[in-house]
Amino acid sequence: MEYVHAYIEFPEGITKDELKLDIYDFLADQMFLLVSRQNCRIMLDYAENYDIQTSVPNVGYLYKFYAQQMTKAAPDKYCVIFSNLRNFKYINETGGTRTGDEVLIKFAHSLVSYVDDDECVCRMGGDNFVMLIKQKNLDKFIEKLECWEITGINSAPDKTFDITAWMGITRLTTDDVPIRVRIEQSSIACSFGKHQLKKRVVFYDEQLAGMLRRSREITALFHPAVTKHEFTPFFQPKVNMLTGELIGMEALCRWKHDGKYIFPDQFIPILDQQGLTHELDMAILNETCRAIKKWLDMGLNPPRVSFNISRKNLFIPHIEEIILDIIKSNNVSTDRLEIEITETAKEDEIDRLISFLATLKKNGLQIAIDDFGTGYSSLSLIHNINADIIKIDKSFISALDSNSKSSVLVKTIIQIADRLDMDVIAEGVETADEGKALIDMGCINAQGYYYSKPVDFDSITEIIKNNGFSPIL
């Protein structure tokens, strides 16, 4: 951005007394107004077309550029890419915001210099960029954004930053769809890839459009479904393999709508993205407590039922009180329930998790560490949390026969649990041979398809009445 400058030059040899200063003052004032107005115009034009922080074009510039290019080439020669930098927060956390800003600016300039003159890059804000790229250059551009090295940062001169990006891509066509709609489609594809599909590159097409329509439908149906008790727990038995005794059950979420079940993988990721995980968890806890109360009213004595809580619930205000109030409102004793929580590697979550579980344990709930051994904080968790149960992840169980490392790890987990006076249960047991191997290692409790898949209330009621299964001999 270049400003306009102006000055008054006096004739040579003229003395101060000979100057008519009032005239020059007037001229200077007029020139100042004209120059200031022109510079303001330049500043406004710049702000209208360029991003202030990085000095690369903004979306307003992209709209104008697109209109110009469409007078020279057909739309179907181009595609729109919406990109969001992956783990850019990590750069800010490790190098500081100054380093983050420098990396962002240098990346933006590198991006602009990489595209052709008849292509355009603009910054949408934050670490989001939009590009209008010729389709013939798309593959090389995707490859470049797989790992873009940024060096020469003043605040971190010895570091190299590898930038990668989530990308949503829309191929333009000859139909009359405004560029802003194409950008929105690309943004949706990028978000869908990042949060649900976990894919770095996602194209907006009819299949994705259908998935988005389904996402909106699921979100709209959610609250009425909670009110109508459409979300219901299915129960998977936990069994003592030596005796066949039913020692517990895990409540797993199912959704029955209009007489048909919607599978969890079809709605849980959507609800998670929409921030509805907490409400879903509380709905299933409420339905689980209702089921326990029904069994008690039937004169049955069901074993303890476990339920899962997403770590995203940890920072819900007063979540412990909410859980305890739900249990109390259903006239169920807390000792009939067990909470399952997965590991976390985030320090702030671990601190909060310790406080959260301590409160629930103090109020009578048992604590189980789910999927033990699959995260980064297994040993730290059992060191800091007074848990009652370790659940060995099913990935170890399925590999017992073929992978000696799995056997060693399972034996070690069982020994740790024994030394810490904790119960241990193996998830995902599907065969009698797996059960026998676990018994030989010292684990006598199991959960898995060998005994039963998750079943509805009526089916689990019959299992409770029969008090279990045949032992593994």
Protein backbone atom coordinates (compact mmCIF):
# COMPACT_ATOMS: atom_id res chain seq x y z
CA MET A 1 0.00 0.00 0.00
CA GLU A 2 1.57 3.29 -1.12
CA TYR A 3 0.36 6.63 0.18
CA VAL A 4 0.22 9.96 -1.73
CA HIS A 5 2.78 12.58 -0.61
CA ALA A 6 2.82 16.35 -1.40
CA TYR A 7 5.02 19.31 -0.52
CA ILE A 8 5.45 23.02 -1.42
CA GLU A 9 8.76 24.06 -2.92
CA PHE A 10 9.81 27.69 -2.50
CA PRO A 11 11.71 29.54 -5.26
CA GLU A 12 15.45 29.80 -4.74
CA GLY A 13 16.84 33.02 -3.25
CA ILE A 14 13.56 34.27 -1.81
CA THR A 15 13.74 35.60 1.73
CA LYS A 16 11.36 34.95 4.55
CA ASP A 17 10.23 38.59 4.56
CA GLU A 18 9.28 38.35 0.90
CA LEU A 19 7.02 35.32 1.49
CA LYS A 20 3.30 35.85 1.76
CA LEU A 21 2.89 33.19 4.45
CA ASP A 22 -0.86 33.46 4.71
CA ILE A 23 -1.19 32.38 1.08
CA TYR A 24 1.19 29.45 1.60
CA ASP A 25 -0.63 28.48 4.79
CA PHE A 26 -3.88 28.40 2.86
CA LEU A 27 -2.35 26.35 0.05
CA ALA A 28 -0.76 23.97 2.56
CA ASP A 29 -4.10 23.42 4.29
CA GLN A 30 -5.83 22.70 0.99
CA MET A 31 -3.10 20.30 -0.07
CA PHE A 32 -3.26 18.57 3.31
CA LEU A 33 -7.01 18.03 2.92
CA LEU A 34 -6.64 16.71 -0.63
CA VAL A 35 -3.76 14.38 0.25
CA SER A 36 -5.48 13.15 3.42
CA ARG A 37 -8.66 12.43 1.49
CA GLN A 38 -6.74 10.54 -1.15
CA ASN A 39 -4.80 8.55 1.44
CA CYS A 40 -8.02 7.73 3.28
CA ARG A 41 -9.41 6.45 0.00
CA ILE A 42 -6.29 4.33 -0.49
CA MET A 43 -6.62 2.96 3.06
CA LEU A 44 -10.30 2.17 2.59
CA ASP A 45 -9.64 0.47 -0.74
CA TYR A 46 -6.88 -1.55 0.88
CA ALA A 47 -9.07 -2.56 3.85
CA GLU A 48 -11.82 -3.50 1.41
CA ASN A 49 -9.58 -5.84 -0.56
CA TYR A 50 -6.77 -7.02 1.71
CA ASP A 51 -6.41 -8.75 5.06
CA ILE A 52 -4.93 -6.33 7.59
CA GLN A 53 -2.74 -8.83 9.45
CA THR A 54 -1.21 -10.76 6.56
CA SER A 55 -1.60 -8.27 3.67
CA VAL A 56 -2.94 -11.02 1.40
CA PRO A 57 -6.29 -10.61 -0.41
CA ASN A 58 -9.53 -11.00 1.51
CA VAL A 59 -12.79 -12.57 0.38
CA GLY A 60 -14.02 -9.26 -1.09
CA TYR A 61 -11.03 -9.25 -3.42
CA LEU A 62 -11.72 -12.90 -4.30
CA TYR A 63 -15.28 -12.06 -5.39
CA LYS A 64 -13.98 -9.37 -7.75
CA PHE A 65 -11.17 -11.58 -9.01
CA TYR A 66 -13.63 -14.38 -9.74
CA ALA A 67 -15.90 -12.06 -11.70
CA GLN A 68 -12.93 -10.91 -13.78
CA GLN A 69 -11.71 -14.44 -14.48
CA MET A 70 -15.13 -15.63 -15.56
CA THR A 71 -14.95 -13.17 -18.45
CA LYS A 72 -11.85 -15.02 -19.66
CA ALA A 73 -12.45 -18.68 -18.75
CA ALA A 74 -15.34 -21.06 -18.04
CA PRO A 75 -16.13 -21.79 -14.35
CA ASP A 76 -15.57 -25.55 -14.80
CA LYS A 77 -11.85 -24.87 -15.25
CA TYR A 78 -11.67 -23.92 -11.58
CA CYS A 79 -12.30 -25.28 -8.11
CA VAL A 80 -12.68 -23.62 -4.70
CA ILE A 81 -10.64 -24.85 -1.74
CA PHE A 82 -11.46 -23.94 1.84
CA SER A 83 -8.52 -24.81 4.09
CA ASN A 84 -8.10 -24.82 7.85
CA LEU A 85 -4.62 -25.31 9.26
CA ARG A 86 -4.20 -28.46 11.31
CA ASN A 87 -2.94 -28.13 14.89
CA PHE A 88 -2.08 -24.47 14.41
CA LYS A 89 -3.02 -24.01 18.06
CA TYR A 90 0.03 -26.12 18.91
CA ILE A 91 2.35 -23.53 17.33
CA ASN A 92 0.80 -20.78 19.44
CA GLU A 93 1.03 -22.91 22.58
CA THR A 94 4.65 -23.96 22.09
CA GLY A 95 6.13 -20.89 20.42
CA GLY A 96 3.85 -18.16 21.70
CA THR A 97 1.39 -15.97 19.84
CA ARG A 98 4.16 -13.85 18.31
CA THR A 99 5.64 -16.92 16.65
CA GLY A 100 2.17 -18.05 15.62
CA ASP A 101 1.48 -14.71 13.97
CA GLU A 102 4.82 -14.78 12.13
CA VAL A 103 4.23 -18.32 10.88
CA LEU A 104 0.72 -17.40 9.73
CA ILE A 105 1.94 -14.32 7.82
CA LYS A 106 4.81 -16.19 6.17
CA PHE A 107 2.54 -19.10 5.26
CA ALA A 108 -0.01 -16.69 3.74
CA HIS A 109 2.66 -15.01 1.61
CA SER A 110 4.05 -18.40 0.54
CA LEU A 111 0.57 -19.48 -0.45
CA VAL A 112 0.05 -16.40 -2.61
CA SER A 113 3.41 -16.80 -4.30
CA TYR A 114 2.68 -20.46 -5.11
CA VAL A 115 -0.45 -19.91 -7.22
CA ASP A 116 -0.56 -18.70 -10.81
CA ASP A 117 -1.58 -15.20 -11.86
CA ASP A 118 -5.00 -16.44 -12.91
CA GLU A 119 -5.55 -18.06 -9.49
CA CYS A 120 -6.29 -16.42 -6.17
CA VAL A 121 -5.68 -16.96 -2.46
CA CYS A 122 -7.53 -15.09 0.27
CA ARG A 123 -7.64 -15.23 4.05
CA MET A 124 -11.04 -15.71 5.65
CA GLY A 125 -9.85 -14.98 9.18
CA GLY A 126 -8.03 -16.97 11.83
CA ASP A 127 -6.15 -19.84 10.19
CA ASN A 128 -8.71 -20.24 7.41
CA PHE A 129 -7.89 -19.59 3.74
CA VAL A 130 -9.89 -19.83 0.53
CA MET A 131 -8.31 -20.49 -2.85
CA LEU A 132 -9.61 -20.29 -6.39
CA ILE A 133 -7.40 -22.82 -8.19
CA LYS A 134 -7.42 -24.23 -11.71
CA GLN A 135 -8.52 -27.86 -11.59
CA LYS A 136 -5.45 -28.98 -13.52
CA ASN A 137 -3.29 -27.70 -10.61
CA LEU A 138 -5.41 -29.23 -7.86
CA ASP A 139 -3.39 -32.40 -7.26
CA LYS A 140 -0.07 -30.60 -6.87
CA PHE A 141 -1.71 -28.06 -4.57
CA ILE A 142 -3.15 -30.81 -2.34
CA GLU A 143 0.26 -32.47 -2.23
CA LYS A 144 1.94 -29.18 -1.32
CA LEU A 145 -0.45 -28.62 1.57
CA GLU A 146 0.32 -32.08 2.92
CA CYS A 147 3.50 -30.64 4.40
CA TRP A 148 4.42 -27.01 3.82
CA GLU A 149 7.70 -26.07 5.50
CA ILE A 150 7.92 -22.63 7.07
CA THR A 151 11.37 -21.43 8.15
CA GLY A 152 13.15 -18.17 8.87
CA ILE A 153 10.84 -17.05 11.67
CA ASN A 154 12.45 -14.19 13.61
CA SER A 155 11.12 -15.29 16.99
CA ALA A 156 12.11 -18.92 16.38
CA PRO A 157 15.05 -18.82 13.92
CA ASP A 158 16.20 -22.38 14.58
CA LYS A 159 12.82 -24.01 14.09
CA THR A 160 11.06 -25.44 11.06
CA PHE A 161 7.27 -25.52 11.14
CA ASP A 162 5.49 -28.14 9.04
CA ILE A 163 2.08 -26.80 8.08
CA THR A 164 -0.69 -29.13 6.95
CA ALA A 165 -4.32 -28.32 6.35
CA TRP A 166 -7.82 -29.72 6.32
CA MET A 167 -9.32 -29.03 2.91
CA GLY A 168 -12.85 -28.88 1.61
CA ILE A 169 -13.03 -28.71 -2.19
CA THR A 170 -15.83 -27.79 -4.57
CA ARG A 171 -15.39 -28.25 -8.31
CA LEU A 172 -17.05 -25.40 -10.15
CA THR A 173 -19.47 -26.14 -12.96
CA THR A 174 -21.05 -24.11 -15.75
CA ASP A 175 -24.31 -23.74 -13.80
CA ASP A 176 -25.13 -20.35 -12.32
CA VAL A 177 -24.15 -20.95 -8.69
CA PRO A 178 -22.74 -17.84 -6.94
CA ILE A 179 -19.14 -18.02 -5.77
CA ARG A 180 -20.21 -17.34 -2.17
CA VAL A 181 -22.28 -20.56 -2.28
CA ARG A 182 -19.27 -22.50 -3.57
CA ILE A 183 -17.16 -21.11 -0.74
CA GLU A 184 -19.83 -22.13 1.77
CA GLN A 185 -19.94 -25.64 0.29
CA SER A 186 -16.17 -25.93 0.54
CA SER A 187 -16.27 -24.69 4.13
CA ILE A 188 -18.88 -27.31 5.01
CA ALA A 189 -16.82 -30.05 3.37
CA CYS A 190 -13.72 -28.93 5.30
CA SER A 191 -15.60 -28.91 8.62
CA PHE A 192 -17.20 -32.29 7.89
CA GLY A 193 -13.81 -33.80 7.10
CA LYS A 194 -12.22 -32.33 10.21
CA HIS A 195 -14.90 -33.12 12.78
CA GLN A 196 -16.70 -36.22 11.51
CA LEU A 197 -14.94 -38.03 8.67
CA LYS A 198 -11.43 -37.29 10.02
CA LYS A 199 -10.25 -36.94 6.42
CA ARG A 200 -7.75 -34.30 5.38
CA VAL A 201 -9.30 -33.74 1.94
CA VAL A 202 -13.06 -33.87 1.34
CA PHE A 203 -14.90 -32.99 -1.87
CA TYR A 204 -18.36 -31.47 -1.76
CA ASP A 205 -20.58 -33.73 -3.87
CA GLU A 206 -24.06 -35.22 -3.85
CA GLN A 207 -23.07 -37.89 -1.35
CA LEU A 208 -21.76 -35.31 1.08
CA ALA A 209 -24.81 -33.11 0.51
CA GLY A 210 -26.97 -36.09 1.48
CA MET A 211 -24.91 -36.62 4.64
CA LEU A 212 -25.36 -32.96 5.54
CA ARG A 213 -29.09 -33.18 5.05
CA ARG A 214 -29.08 -36.21 7.34
CA SER A 215 -27.04 -34.29 9.90
CA ARG A 216 -29.60 -31.51 9.97
CA GLU A 217 -32.43 -34.04 10.30
CA ILE A 218 -30.72 -35.80 13.22
CA THR A 219 -30.12 -32.50 15.00
CA ALA A 220 -33.73 -31.40 14.52
CA LEU A 221 -35.06 -34.73 15.81
CA PHE A 222 -32.85 -34.88 18.89
CA HIS A 223 -34.74 -32.87 21.50
CA PRO A 224 -38.19 -34.29 20.62
CA ALA A 225 -36.63 -37.77 20.78
CA VAL A 226 -35.33 -37.14 24.31
CA THR A 227 -38.79 -35.97 25.40
CA LYS A 228 -40.41 -39.08 23.88
CA HIS A 229 -37.82 -41.42 25.53
CA GLU A 230 -36.69 -42.65 22.10
CA PHE A 231 -33.10 -42.95 23.33
CA THR A 232 -32.87 -46.15 25.25
CA PRO A 233 -30.10 -48.24 26.79
CA PHE A 234 -29.23 -51.67 25.48
CA PHE A 235 -27.41 -53.78 28.04
CA GLN A 236 -24.36 -55.98 27.54
CA PRO A 237 -23.70 -58.54 30.29
CA LYS A 238 -20.50 -58.78 32.32
CA VAL A 239 -19.85 -62.35 33.41
CA ASN A 240 -17.67 -64.31 35.81
CA MET A 241 -16.24 -66.85 33.38
CA LEU A 242 -15.53 -69.45 36.09
CA THR A 243 -19.10 -69.55 37.40
CA GLY A 244 -21.16 -68.00 34.58
CA GLU A 245 -22.63 -65.55 37.11
CA LEU A 246 -23.93 -62.23 35.84
CA ILE A 247 -21.78 -59.70 37.72
CA GLY A 248 -22.74 -56.52 35.90
CA MET A 249 -24.05 -54.84 32.77
CA GLU A 250 -22.99 -51.96 30.58
CA ALA A 251 -25.66 -49.57 29.30
CA LEU A 252 -25.08 -48.62 25.66
CA CYS A 253 -27.04 -46.01 23.74
CA ARG A 254 -29.60 -46.94 21.08
CA TRP A 255 -32.18 -44.77 19.31
CA LYS A 256 -35.53 -46.13 18.19
CA HIS A 257 -37.38 -43.71 15.91
CA ASP A 258 -40.60 -44.50 14.04
CA GLY A 259 -40.22 -48.17 14.89
CA LYS A 260 -36.66 -48.47 13.52
CA TYR A 261 -33.30 -48.31 15.24
CA ILE A 262 -30.80 -45.67 14.19
CA PHE A 263 -27.27 -47.01 14.64
CA PRO A 264 -25.00 -45.07 17.05
CA ASP A 265 -22.41 -44.31 14.36
CA GLN A 266 -25.15 -42.55 12.41
CA PHE A 267 -26.06 -40.08 15.13
CA ILE A 268 -23.39 -39.88 17.87
CA PRO A 269 -20.74 -38.10 15.72
CA ILE A 270 -23.41 -35.61 14.58
CA LEU A 271 -24.62 -34.90 18.10
CA ASP A 272 -21.03 -34.60 19.26
CA GLN A 273 -20.29 -31.98 16.60
CA GLN A 274 -23.44 -30.06 17.55
CA GLY A 275 -22.45 -29.98 21.23
CA LEU A 276 -25.30 -32.29 22.28
CA THR A 277 -23.17 -35.06 23.80
CA HIS A 278 -23.93 -33.94 27.35
CA GLU A 279 -27.68 -34.05 26.83
CA LEU A 280 -27.43 -37.48 25.21
CA ASP A 281 -25.34 -38.87 28.09
CA MET A 282 -27.77 -37.52 30.66
CA ALA A 283 -30.74 -38.93 28.72
CA ILE A 284 -29.17 -42.42 28.70
CA LEU A 285 -28.32 -42.17 32.40
CA ASN A 286 -31.93 -41.24 33.12
CA GLU A 287 -33.25 -44.16 31.05
CA THR A 288 -30.77 -46.52 32.73
CA CYS A 289 -32.00 -45.46 36.16
CA ARG A 290 -35.59 -45.96 35.00
CA ALA A 291 -34.69 -49.51 33.92
CA ILE A 292 -33.06 -50.29 37.27
CA LYS A 293 -36.16 -49.03 39.09
CA LYS A 294 -38.37 -51.27 36.94
CA TRP A 295 -36.31 -54.32 37.85
CA LEU A 296 -36.47 -53.47 41.53
CA ASP A 297 -40.25 -52.99 41.29
CA MET A 298 -40.42 -56.43 39.61
CA GLY A 299 -38.72 -57.94 42.66
CA LEU A 300 -35.45 -58.59 40.84
CA ASN A 301 -31.97 -57.81 42.14
CA PRO A 302 -30.01 -56.61 39.09
CA PRO A 303 -26.23 -56.39 39.28
CA ARG A 304 -24.47 -53.03 39.06
CA VAL A 305 -24.99 -51.20 35.75
CA SER A 306 -22.21 -49.12 34.23
CA PHE A 307 -22.72 -46.07 32.04
CA ASN A 308 -20.30 -44.04 29.95
CA ILE A 309 -19.60 -40.34 30.34
CA SER A 310 -17.86 -38.38 27.61
CA ARG A 311 -14.89 -36.31 28.78
CA LYS A 312 -16.65 -33.33 27.21
CA ASN A 313 -19.01 -33.46 30.18
CA LEU A 314 -16.21 -32.65 32.59
CA PHE A 315 -16.52 -28.91 32.13
CA ILE A 316 -20.30 -28.76 32.23
CA PRO A 317 -21.12 -26.58 35.26
CA HIS A 318 -22.19 -28.66 38.29
CA ILE A 319 -22.07 -31.90 36.29
CA GLU A 320 -21.58 -34.01 39.44
CA GLU A 321 -24.75 -32.56 40.98
CA ILE A 322 -26.65 -33.13 37.72
CA ILE A 323 -25.66 -36.82 37.66
CA LEU A 324 -26.51 -37.35 41.32
CA ASP A 325 -29.85 -35.54 40.95
CA ILE A 326 -30.83 -37.79 38.02
CA ILE A 327 -30.05 -40.90 40.07
CA LYS A 328 -31.89 -39.57 43.13
CA SER A 329 -34.96 -38.48 41.13
CA ASN A 330 -35.41 -42.07 39.94
CA ASN A 331 -35.23 -43.44 43.51
CA VAL A 332 -32.17 -45.52 42.71
CA SER A 333 -29.25 -46.05 45.07
CA THR A 334 -25.86 -44.89 43.74
CA ASP A 335 -24.29 -48.25 44.65
CA ARG A 336 -26.25 -49.78 41.79
CA LEU A 337 -24.30 -47.72 39.27
CA GLU A 338 -20.78 -47.61 37.93
CA ILE A 339 -19.30 -44.84 35.81
CA GLU A 340 -16.92 -45.71 32.97
CA ILE A 341 -14.44 -43.08 31.84
CA THR A 342 -11.78 -43.27 29.15
CA GLU A 343 -8.24 -42.01 29.50
CA THR A 344 -7.10 -38.52 28.65
CA ALA A 345 -3.69 -37.09 27.84
CA LYS A 346 -4.59 -33.46 28.53
CA GLU A 347 -3.29 -32.16 31.82
CA ASP A 348 -6.21 -29.80 32.46
CA GLU A 349 -8.62 -32.68 31.83
CA ILE A 350 -6.75 -35.01 34.19
CA ASP A 351 -6.97 -32.51 37.04
CA ARG A 352 -10.67 -32.00 36.45
CA LEU A 353 -11.23 -35.73 36.00
CA ILE A 354 -9.68 -36.49 39.40
CA SER A 355 -12.02 -34.02 41.11
CA PHE A 356 -15.04 -35.22 39.14
CA LEU A 357 -14.55 -38.92 39.91
CA ALA A 358 -13.64 -38.29 43.55
CA THR A 359 -17.00 -36.58 44.08
CA LEU A 360 -18.96 -39.41 42.46
CA LYS A 361 -17.03 -42.10 44.32
CA LYS A 362 -17.61 -40.28 47.60
CA ASN A 363 -21.33 -40.48 46.82
CA GLY A 364 -21.30 -44.24 46.29
CA LEU A 365 -20.64 -44.82 42.58
CA GLN A 366 -17.97 -47.26 41.48
CA ILE A 367 -15.34 -46.05 39.00
CA ALA A 368 -14.10 -48.03 35.99
CA ILE A 369 -11.30 -47.02 33.62
CA ASP A 370 -12.49 -47.98 30.14
CA ASP A 371 -10.32 -49.00 27.16
CA PHE A 372 -7.32 -49.29 29.46
CA GLY A 373 -3.97 -49.34 27.69
CA THR A 374 -4.97 -47.54 24.49
CA GLY A 375 -4.12 -43.98 25.55
CA TYR A 376 -1.11 -42.11 26.84
CA SER A 377 -2.14 -41.68 30.45
CA SER A 378 -2.97 -45.20 31.65
CA LEU A 379 -0.47 -45.43 34.49
CA SER A 380 -0.93 -41.81 35.48
CA LEU A 381 -4.68 -42.34 35.68
CA ILE A 382 -4.58 -45.34 38.01
CA HIS A 383 -1.96 -43.55 40.10
CA ASN A 384 -4.11 -40.44 40.58
CA ILE A 385 -7.62 -41.87 40.55
CA ASN A 386 -9.01 -44.22 43.16
CA ALA A 387 -10.74 -46.40 40.58
CA ASP A 388 -12.34 -49.74 41.32
CA ILE A 389 -12.11 -51.50 37.96
CA ILE A 390 -9.79 -51.68 34.97
CA LYS A 391 -11.36 -52.70 31.66
CA ILE A 392 -8.80 -54.24 29.28
CA ASP A 393 -9.41 -52.93 25.78
CA LYS A 394 -10.74 -55.45 23.26
CA SER A 395 -7.86 -54.75 20.86
CA PHE A 396 -5.57 -56.70 23.20
CA ILE A 397 -8.01 -59.59 23.55
CA SER A 398 -8.47 -60.18 19.82
CA ALA A 399 -4.70 -60.50 19.40
CA LEU A 400 -4.04 -62.92 22.28
CA ASP A 401 -3.50 -65.91 19.99
CA SER A 402 -1.50 -64.19 17.29
CA ASN A 403 0.55 -61.60 19.12
CA SER A 404 2.74 -62.49 22.10
CA LYS A 405 3.11 -58.79 22.93
CA SER A 406 -0.63 -58.60 23.61
CA SER A 407 -0.35 -61.54 26.02
CA VAL A 408 2.49 -59.87 27.88
CA LEU A 409 0.59 -56.59 28.12
CA VAL A 410 -2.62 -58.28 29.30
CA LYS A 411 -0.71 -60.24 31.96
CA THR A 412 0.95 -57.03 33.12
CA ILE A 413 -2.36 -55.17 33.36
CA ILE A 414 -3.87 -58.02 35.37
CA GLN A 415 -0.89 -58.05 37.74
CA ILE A 416 -1.07 -54.26 38.20
CA ALA A 417 -4.79 -54.45 38.97
CA ASP A 418 -4.19 -57.27 41.47
CA ARG A 419 -1.41 -55.38 43.26
CA LEU A 420 -3.58 -52.26 43.46
CA ASP A 421 -6.57 -54.24 44.74
CA MET A 422 -8.63 -53.40 41.65
CA ASP A 423 -10.97 -55.67 39.74
CA VAL A 424 -10.22 -56.32 36.09
CA ILE A 425 -12.54 -57.19 33.24
CA ALA A 426 -11.73 -58.02 29.64
CA GLU A 427 -13.78 -56.41 26.88
CA GLY A 428 -14.52 -57.95 23.50
CA VAL A 429 -14.29 -61.64 24.43
CA GLU A 430 -15.72 -63.57 21.49
CA THR A 431 -14.54 -67.17 21.88
CA ALA A 432 -14.14 -69.75 24.62
CA ASP A 433 -10.43 -70.00 23.80
CA GLU A 434 -10.00 -66.29 24.53
CA GLY A 435 -11.85 -66.80 27.79
CA LYS A 436 -9.65 -69.75 28.78
CA ALA A 437 -6.50 -67.78 27.98
CA LEU A 438 -7.68 -64.92 30.16
CA ILE A 439 -8.57 -67.23 33.03
CA ASP A 440 -5.08 -68.75 32.84
CA MET A 441 -3.64 -65.23 33.11
CA GLY A 442 -5.74 -64.45 36.17
CA CYS A 443 -8.65 -62.49 34.65
CA ILE A 444 -11.95 -64.21 35.40
CA ASN A 445 -14.41 -61.46 34.34
CA ALA A 446 -15.39 -60.81 30.73
CA GLN A 447 -17.72 -58.85 28.51
CA GLY A 448 -18.29 -59.62 24.85
CA TYR A 449 -20.18 -61.39 22.11
CA TYR A 450 -19.23 -64.82 23.47
CA TYR A 451 -21.90 -64.22 26.07
CA SER A 452 -24.19 -61.69 24.45
CA LYS A 453 -24.32 -58.66 22.23
CA PRO A 454 -26.03 -55.59 23.75
CA VAL A 455 -29.73 -56.44 24.13
CA ASP A 456 -32.93 -54.59 24.95
CA PHE A 457 -34.68 -54.36 28.31
CA ASP A 458 -36.85 -57.47 27.89
CA SER A 459 -33.94 -59.67 26.78
CA ILE A 460 -31.61 -58.58 29.58
CA THR A 461 -34.47 -59.06 32.06
CA GLU A 462 -34.61 -62.75 31.13
CA ILE A 463 -30.84 -63.01 31.61
CA ILE A 464 -31.18 -61.40 35.07
CA LYS A 465 -33.94 -63.88 35.97
CA ASN A 466 -31.77 -66.82 34.86
CA ASN A 467 -28.77 -65.27 36.66
CA GLY A 468 -26.24 -65.68 33.94
CA PHE A 469 -24.60 -68.17 31.62
CA SER A 470 -22.70 -71.44 31.54
CA PRO A 471 -19.15 -71.29 32.90
CA ILE A 472 -16.10 -71.71 30.70
CA LEU A 473 -14.60 -75.07 31.65
